[in-house]
């Protein structure tokens, strides 16, 4: 390490470090929720869904049964729809018992401005009334624009505002790693 992925990209998390971070987050969720009682993991597409599934499986290894897991599309709740090209709607899938009265753990790959999570809170409001909402992210890169903070963080990664964080997962990209690199001119990265 560090591995390079194209011009100026540096690997900041290896597959083993991602695995350890998810294991630690799983333990923290179980500790904070008293053994995972009444939790639902909802991943934010795309990579947040795969991370939520991994967390649910890891919780299942520790507790004997995986946590209920689903996905939460935030596309129609984003405040930047007019600024970005249209993106395809993703699937919202909620476990059969729903979210009412549950502790919902929203799962995403990177926490940056906080706007995606704000949209997720709005989308979640359309689904029901959870008892509590928590946030788990693989990477917190700072630069918040809204007062949002993650409850569970795999890695705090100080970045320059113009840098970009790229999370690659085996399910979508064929490998697990987190890369840090330059944003294109005029672009602010996730």
Protein backbone atom coordinates (compact mmCIF):
# COMPACT_ATOMS: atom_id res chain seq x y z
CA UNK A 1 0.00 0.00 0.00
CA UNK A 2 -0.69 2.73 -1.05
CA UNK A 3 -2.02 1.52 -4.37
CA UNK A 4 -2.77 3.94 -7.14
CA UNK A 5 -5.92 3.75 -9.25
CA UNK A 6 -5.37 6.07 -12.16
CA UNK A 7 -3.72 9.46 -12.14
CA UNK A 8 -3.63 10.94 -8.65
CA UNK A 9 -5.80 8.32 -6.93
CA UNK A 10 -4.55 6.76 -3.71
CA UNK A 11 -6.05 3.78 -1.85
CA UNK A 12 -6.97 4.80 1.70
CA UNK A 13 -8.85 1.64 2.78
CA UNK A 14 -7.96 -1.91 1.80
CA UNK A 15 -10.41 -4.84 1.64
CA UNK A 16 -9.21 -6.01 5.07
CA UNK A 17 -9.64 -2.53 6.57
CA UNK A 18 -13.17 -2.32 5.16
CA UNK A 19 -13.97 -5.74 6.63
CA UNK A 20 -12.63 -4.70 10.05
CA UNK A 21 -14.52 -1.39 9.93
CA UNK A 22 -17.81 -3.16 9.19
CA UNK A 23 -17.16 -5.68 11.97
CA UNK A 24 -16.52 -2.83 14.43
CA UNK A 25 -19.64 -0.94 13.28
CA UNK A 26 -21.71 -4.13 13.71
CA UNK A 27 -20.46 -4.52 17.28
CA UNK A 28 -21.16 -0.86 18.01
CA UNK A 29 -24.72 -1.16 16.67
CA UNK A 30 -25.31 -4.22 18.83
CA UNK A 31 -23.92 -2.50 21.93
CA UNK A 32 -25.94 0.67 21.42
CA UNK A 33 -29.18 -1.17 20.59
CA UNK A 34 -28.86 -3.80 23.31
CA UNK A 35 -28.26 -6.78 21.05
CA UNK A 36 -29.97 -5.41 17.98
CA UNK A 37 -33.44 -5.48 19.48
CA UNK A 38 -35.92 -3.87 17.09
CA UNK A 39 -33.43 -2.58 14.53
CA UNK A 40 -33.88 -2.24 10.78
CA UNK A 41 -30.94 -1.45 8.49
CA UNK A 42 -31.84 0.66 5.44
CA UNK A 43 -29.11 1.17 2.85
CA UNK A 44 -29.06 4.23 0.61
CA UNK A 45 -28.51 3.14 -3.01
CA UNK A 46 -26.24 2.13 -4.43
CA UNK A 47 -23.31 1.17 -2.24
CA UNK A 48 -25.12 1.85 1.03
CA UNK A 49 -27.45 -1.05 0.22
CA UNK A 50 -24.53 -3.47 -0.09
CA UNK A 51 -22.93 -2.14 3.08
CA UNK A 52 -26.26 -2.56 4.94
CA UNK A 53 -26.48 -6.17 3.74
CA UNK A 54 -22.94 -6.82 4.93
CA UNK A 55 -23.70 -5.28 8.32
CA UNK A 56 -26.90 -7.35 8.62
CA UNK A 57 -24.97 -10.54 7.83
CA UNK A 58 -22.24 -9.66 10.34
CA UNK A 59 -24.88 -8.98 13.00
CA UNK A 60 -26.35 -12.38 12.14
CA UNK A 61 -22.97 -14.01 12.75
CA UNK A 62 -22.87 -12.48 16.24
CA UNK A 63 -26.54 -12.80 17.20
CA UNK A 64 -27.65 -15.93 15.34
CA UNK A 65 -30.03 -14.15 12.94
CA UNK A 66 -29.35 -11.30 10.53
CA UNK A 67 -30.90 -7.93 11.17
CA UNK A 68 -33.80 -6.96 8.89
CA UNK A 69 -32.39 -5.04 5.95
CA UNK A 70 -33.82 -2.98 3.11
CA UNK A 71 -33.10 -0.03 0.86
CA UNK A 72 -34.27 3.57 0.83
CA UNK A 73 -34.24 5.57 -2.39
CA UNK A 74 -33.80 9.28 -1.72
CA UNK A 75 -33.84 10.54 -5.32
CA UNK A 76 -37.18 12.38 -5.20
CA UNK A 77 -36.31 13.99 -1.86
CA UNK A 78 -32.97 15.51 -2.96
CA UNK A 79 -32.64 19.29 -2.95
CA UNK A 80 -30.34 19.29 -5.99
CA UNK A 81 -32.64 17.69 -8.59
CA UNK A 82 -32.63 20.83 -10.71
CA UNK A 83 -28.83 21.11 -10.56
CA UNK A 84 -27.90 17.57 -11.58
CA UNK A 85 -28.81 15.39 -14.53
CA UNK A 86 -31.82 13.18 -13.96
CA UNK A 87 -30.97 9.87 -12.35
CA UNK A 88 -32.93 6.70 -12.44
CA UNK A 89 -35.09 5.94 -9.45
CA UNK A 90 -33.75 3.17 -7.27
CA UNK A 91 -35.81 0.67 -5.35
CA UNK A 92 -37.11 1.32 -1.86
CA UNK A 93 -37.58 -1.98 -0.10
CA UNK A 94 -38.69 -2.14 3.51
CA UNK A 95 -38.70 -5.35 5.60
CA UNK A 96 -42.20 -6.83 6.13
CA UNK A 97 -42.48 -5.50 9.69
CA UNK A 98 -41.93 -1.94 8.44
CA UNK A 99 -40.21 0.84 10.36
CA UNK A 100 -42.87 1.95 12.85
CA UNK A 101 -41.52 1.78 16.39
CA UNK A 102 -38.14 0.41 15.19
CA UNK A 103 -34.63 1.79 15.48
CA UNK A 104 -33.73 2.47 11.86
CA UNK A 105 -30.04 2.56 11.01
CA UNK A 106 -29.51 4.40 7.74
CA UNK A 107 -26.38 3.11 5.96
CA UNK A 108 -24.38 5.00 3.35
CA UNK A 109 -20.89 4.79 1.91
CA UNK A 110 -19.66 8.39 2.30
CA UNK A 111 -20.90 11.23 4.50
CA UNK A 112 -20.00 14.56 2.95
CA UNK A 113 -22.35 17.57 2.97
CA UNK A 114 -25.18 15.81 4.82
CA UNK A 115 -27.70 16.54 2.07
CA UNK A 116 -28.21 12.89 1.08
CA UNK A 117 -28.96 12.02 4.70
CA UNK A 118 -31.40 14.92 4.95
CA UNK A 119 -33.15 13.52 1.89
CA UNK A 120 -33.11 10.06 3.50
CA UNK A 121 -34.81 11.43 6.61
CA UNK A 122 -37.53 12.94 4.42
CA UNK A 123 -37.95 9.67 2.50
CA UNK A 124 -38.06 7.70 5.74
CA UNK A 125 -40.81 9.99 7.02
CA UNK A 126 -42.95 8.80 4.08
CA UNK A 127 -42.57 5.17 5.25
CA UNK A 128 -43.63 5.49 8.86
CA UNK A 129 -42.55 6.62 12.29
CA UNK A 130 -39.42 4.93 13.64
CA UNK A 131 -38.67 5.01 17.35
CA UNK A 132 -35.17 6.34 16.57
CA UNK A 133 -32.97 6.93 13.54
CA UNK A 134 -29.22 6.35 13.52
CA UNK A 135 -26.61 6.72 10.81
CA UNK A 136 -23.77 4.37 9.85
CA UNK A 137 -21.23 5.36 7.18
CA UNK A 138 -18.10 3.70 5.90
CA UNK A 139 -16.30 7.05 5.41
CA UNK A 140 -16.91 10.45 7.00
CA UNK A 141 -14.95 12.97 4.97
CA UNK A 142 -16.17 16.13 6.69
CA UNK A 143 -17.32 19.37 5.01
CA UNK A 144 -20.84 19.27 6.40
CA UNK A 145 -23.36 21.79 5.10
CA UNK A 146 -26.14 20.58 7.41
CA UNK A 147 -26.07 19.68 11.13
CA UNK A 148 -25.84 15.91 10.57
CA UNK A 149 -23.43 13.53 12.30
CA UNK A 150 -22.93 9.79 11.92
CA UNK A 151 -23.46 7.52 14.91
CA UNK A 152 -21.16 4.84 13.46
CA UNK A 153 -18.14 5.62 11.29
CA UNK A 154 -15.78 3.17 9.63
CA UNK A 155 -13.10 5.81 8.98
CA UNK A 156 -12.88 9.55 9.50
CA UNK A 157 -10.99 10.76 6.46
CA UNK A 158 -9.91 14.40 6.48
CA UNK A 159 -10.09 15.66 2.91
CA UNK A 160 -9.73 18.85 0.95
CA UNK A 161 -13.07 20.12 -0.29
CA UNK A 162 -12.05 19.57 -3.92
CA UNK A 163 -10.90 15.98 -3.39
CA UNK A 164 -13.13 13.07 -4.27
CA UNK A 165 -13.72 9.85 -2.32
CA UNK A 166 -14.52 6.79 -4.38
CA UNK A 167 -15.85 3.68 -2.61
CA UNK A 168 -15.51 0.50 -4.63
CA UNK A 169 -17.32 -2.65 -3.48
CA UNK A 170 -17.05 -6.17 -4.84
CA UNK A 171 -20.81 -6.31 -5.49
CA UNK A 172 -20.74 -3.40 -7.95
CA UNK A 173 -17.09 -2.82 -8.84
CA UNK A 174 -15.42 -6.21 -8.53
CA UNK A 175 -13.18 -5.15 -5.62
CA UNK A 176 -13.30 -3.61 -2.17
CA UNK A 177 -11.33 -0.40 -1.58
CA UNK A 178 -11.72 3.28 -0.84
CA UNK A 179 -9.80 5.71 -3.02
CA UNK A 180 -8.98 9.37 -2.58
CA UNK A 181 -8.23 11.51 -5.59
CA UNK A 182 -8.70 14.77 -7.40
CA UNK A 183 -12.10 15.97 -8.54
CA UNK A 184 -12.40 17.08 -12.15
CA UNK A 185 -12.06 20.85 -12.70
CA UNK A 186 -15.27 22.57 -11.61
CA UNK A 187 -16.48 19.43 -9.80
CA UNK A 188 -16.85 18.84 -6.10
CA UNK A 189 -16.61 15.17 -5.25
CA UNK A 190 -18.48 12.86 -2.95
